[in-house]
Amino acid sequence: MTPLTRFLALHALIGFGIAGLFAAMLFGLDVAGLRSLVVQSSVGWVAASALTFLLCLTFGSVQMGIAIMQLESNDTQRGSRRRALPGFFGPTPQPVPVRVRQRSR
């Protein structure tokens, strides 16, 4: 298994775990009567499975995307996580003097 594949699989599993906890909390806390609806329906297990699968797919994809965006790129300085955005994480912008002409009316 290549390092990139291992990296993506690990982060997908992390996202699946978070989604599983989220789905368990949805059903456990009976949010919007979801657990009651699933228990009372004859095919409620299909809805619960579909919801859990789609949550896992979404959370896994988001976790993989976040992990990829946090990778260090080759054009950044060594040791830095990302390029600094002016005014947010880097040096503060300095004012530049500008010559203003007086308007004639």
Protein backbone atom coordinates (compact mmCIF):
# COMPACT_ATOMS: atom_id res chain seq x y z
CA MET A 1 0.00 0.00 0.00
CA THR A 2 1.44 3.36 -0.99
CA PRO A 3 1.82 6.11 1.62
CA LEU A 4 -0.82 8.27 -0.11
CA THR A 5 -3.35 5.42 -0.14
CA ARG A 6 -2.64 4.69 3.52
CA PHE A 7 -3.00 8.40 4.34
CA LEU A 8 -6.37 8.66 2.57
CA ALA A 9 -7.68 5.38 4.04
CA LEU A 10 -6.73 6.45 7.56
CA HIS A 11 -8.54 9.76 7.24
CA ALA A 12 -11.56 8.12 5.62
CA LEU A 13 -11.78 5.74 8.59
CA ILE A 14 -11.53 8.67 10.99
CA GLY A 15 -14.43 10.33 9.14
CA PHE A 16 -16.42 7.06 9.24
CA GLY A 17 -15.89 6.84 12.99
CA ILE A 18 -17.05 10.42 13.55
CA ALA A 19 -20.10 9.76 11.35
CA GLY A 20 -20.91 6.59 13.27
CA LEU A 21 -20.83 8.51 16.54
CA PHE A 22 -22.98 11.25 15.02
CA ALA A 23 -25.56 8.72 13.76
CA ALA A 24 -25.58 6.99 17.16
CA MET A 25 -26.22 10.33 18.84
CA LEU A 26 -29.04 11.11 16.39
CA PHE A 27 -30.74 7.83 17.15
CA GLY A 28 -29.82 7.78 20.84
CA LEU A 29 -31.17 11.26 21.56
CA ASP A 30 -34.20 10.65 19.32
CA VAL A 31 -33.66 13.89 17.43
CA ALA A 32 -36.88 14.93 15.64
CA GLY A 33 -38.42 11.56 16.57
CA LEU A 34 -35.99 9.73 14.27
CA ARG A 35 -35.50 6.68 16.51
CA SER A 36 -39.23 6.36 17.11
CA LEU A 37 -39.90 6.51 13.39
CA VAL A 38 -37.26 3.86 12.61
CA VAL A 39 -38.45 1.52 15.38
CA GLN A 40 -42.15 1.77 14.46
CA SER A 41 -41.62 1.25 10.73
CA SER A 42 -41.38 -2.24 9.24
CA VAL A 43 -38.49 -1.17 6.99
CA GLY A 44 -36.91 1.27 9.42
CA TRP A 45 -33.62 -0.58 9.27
CA VAL A 46 -33.32 0.40 5.60
CA ALA A 47 -33.71 4.09 6.45
CA ALA A 48 -31.28 3.83 9.37
CA SER A 49 -28.73 2.01 7.20
CA ALA A 50 -29.06 4.53 4.38
CA LEU A 51 -28.72 7.48 6.76
CA THR A 52 -25.67 5.96 8.44
CA PHE A 53 -24.03 5.06 5.12
CA LEU A 54 -24.57 8.53 3.65
CA LEU A 55 -23.31 10.19 6.83
CA CYS A 56 -20.19 8.00 6.69
CA LEU A 57 -19.65 8.90 3.05
CA THR A 58 -20.04 12.62 3.74
CA PHE A 59 -17.95 12.78 6.92
CA GLY A 60 -15.24 10.56 5.40
CA SER A 61 -15.00 12.78 2.32
CA VAL A 62 -14.85 15.93 4.42
CA GLN A 63 -12.15 14.46 6.66
CA MET A 64 -10.08 13.42 3.63
CA GLY A 65 -10.49 16.87 2.08
CA ILE A 66 -9.41 18.62 5.27
CA ALA A 67 -6.39 16.34 5.60
CA ILE A 68 -5.35 16.97 1.99
CA MET A 69 -5.71 20.74 2.34
CA GLN A 70 -3.51 20.70 5.42
CA LEU A 71 -0.66 18.96 3.63
CA GLU A 72 2.51 20.98 3.25
CA SER A 73 3.09 22.03 -0.35
CA ASN A 74 6.48 22.29 -2.06
CA ASP A 75 6.32 26.06 -2.59
CA THR A 76 6.07 26.94 1.12
CA GLN A 77 9.08 27.56 3.31
CA ARG A 78 10.44 24.54 5.08
CA GLY A 79 8.83 23.95 8.45
CA SER A 80 5.78 26.13 7.85
CA ARG A 81 2.36 24.56 7.54
CA ARG A 82 1.02 26.96 4.93
CA ARG A 83 1.64 30.30 3.32
CA ALA A 84 0.57 33.16 5.53
CA LEU A 85 -2.26 35.37 4.37
CA PRO A 86 -1.48 39.06 4.81
CA GLY A 87 -3.27 40.53 7.81
CA PHE A 88 -4.49 37.19 9.13
CA PHE A 89 -1.50 35.01 9.89
CA GLY A 90 1.42 36.97 8.50
CA PRO A 91 2.85 40.45 8.74
CA THR A 92 0.42 43.31 9.08
CA PRO A 93 0.02 45.41 5.92
CA GLN A 94 1.66 48.83 6.09
CA PRO A 95 0.02 51.99 4.70
CA VAL A 96 1.50 53.39 1.51
CA PRO A 97 1.69 57.17 1.10
CA VAL A 98 -0.36 58.42 -1.85
CA ARG A 99 -0.23 61.86 -3.40
CA VAL A 100 -3.73 63.31 -3.83
CA ARG A 101 -4.43 66.18 -6.22
CA GLN A 102 -6.96 68.79 -5.27
CA ARG A 103 -10.09 68.76 -7.41
CA SER A 104 -11.15 71.79 -9.32
CA ARG A 105 -14.79 72.65 -9.07
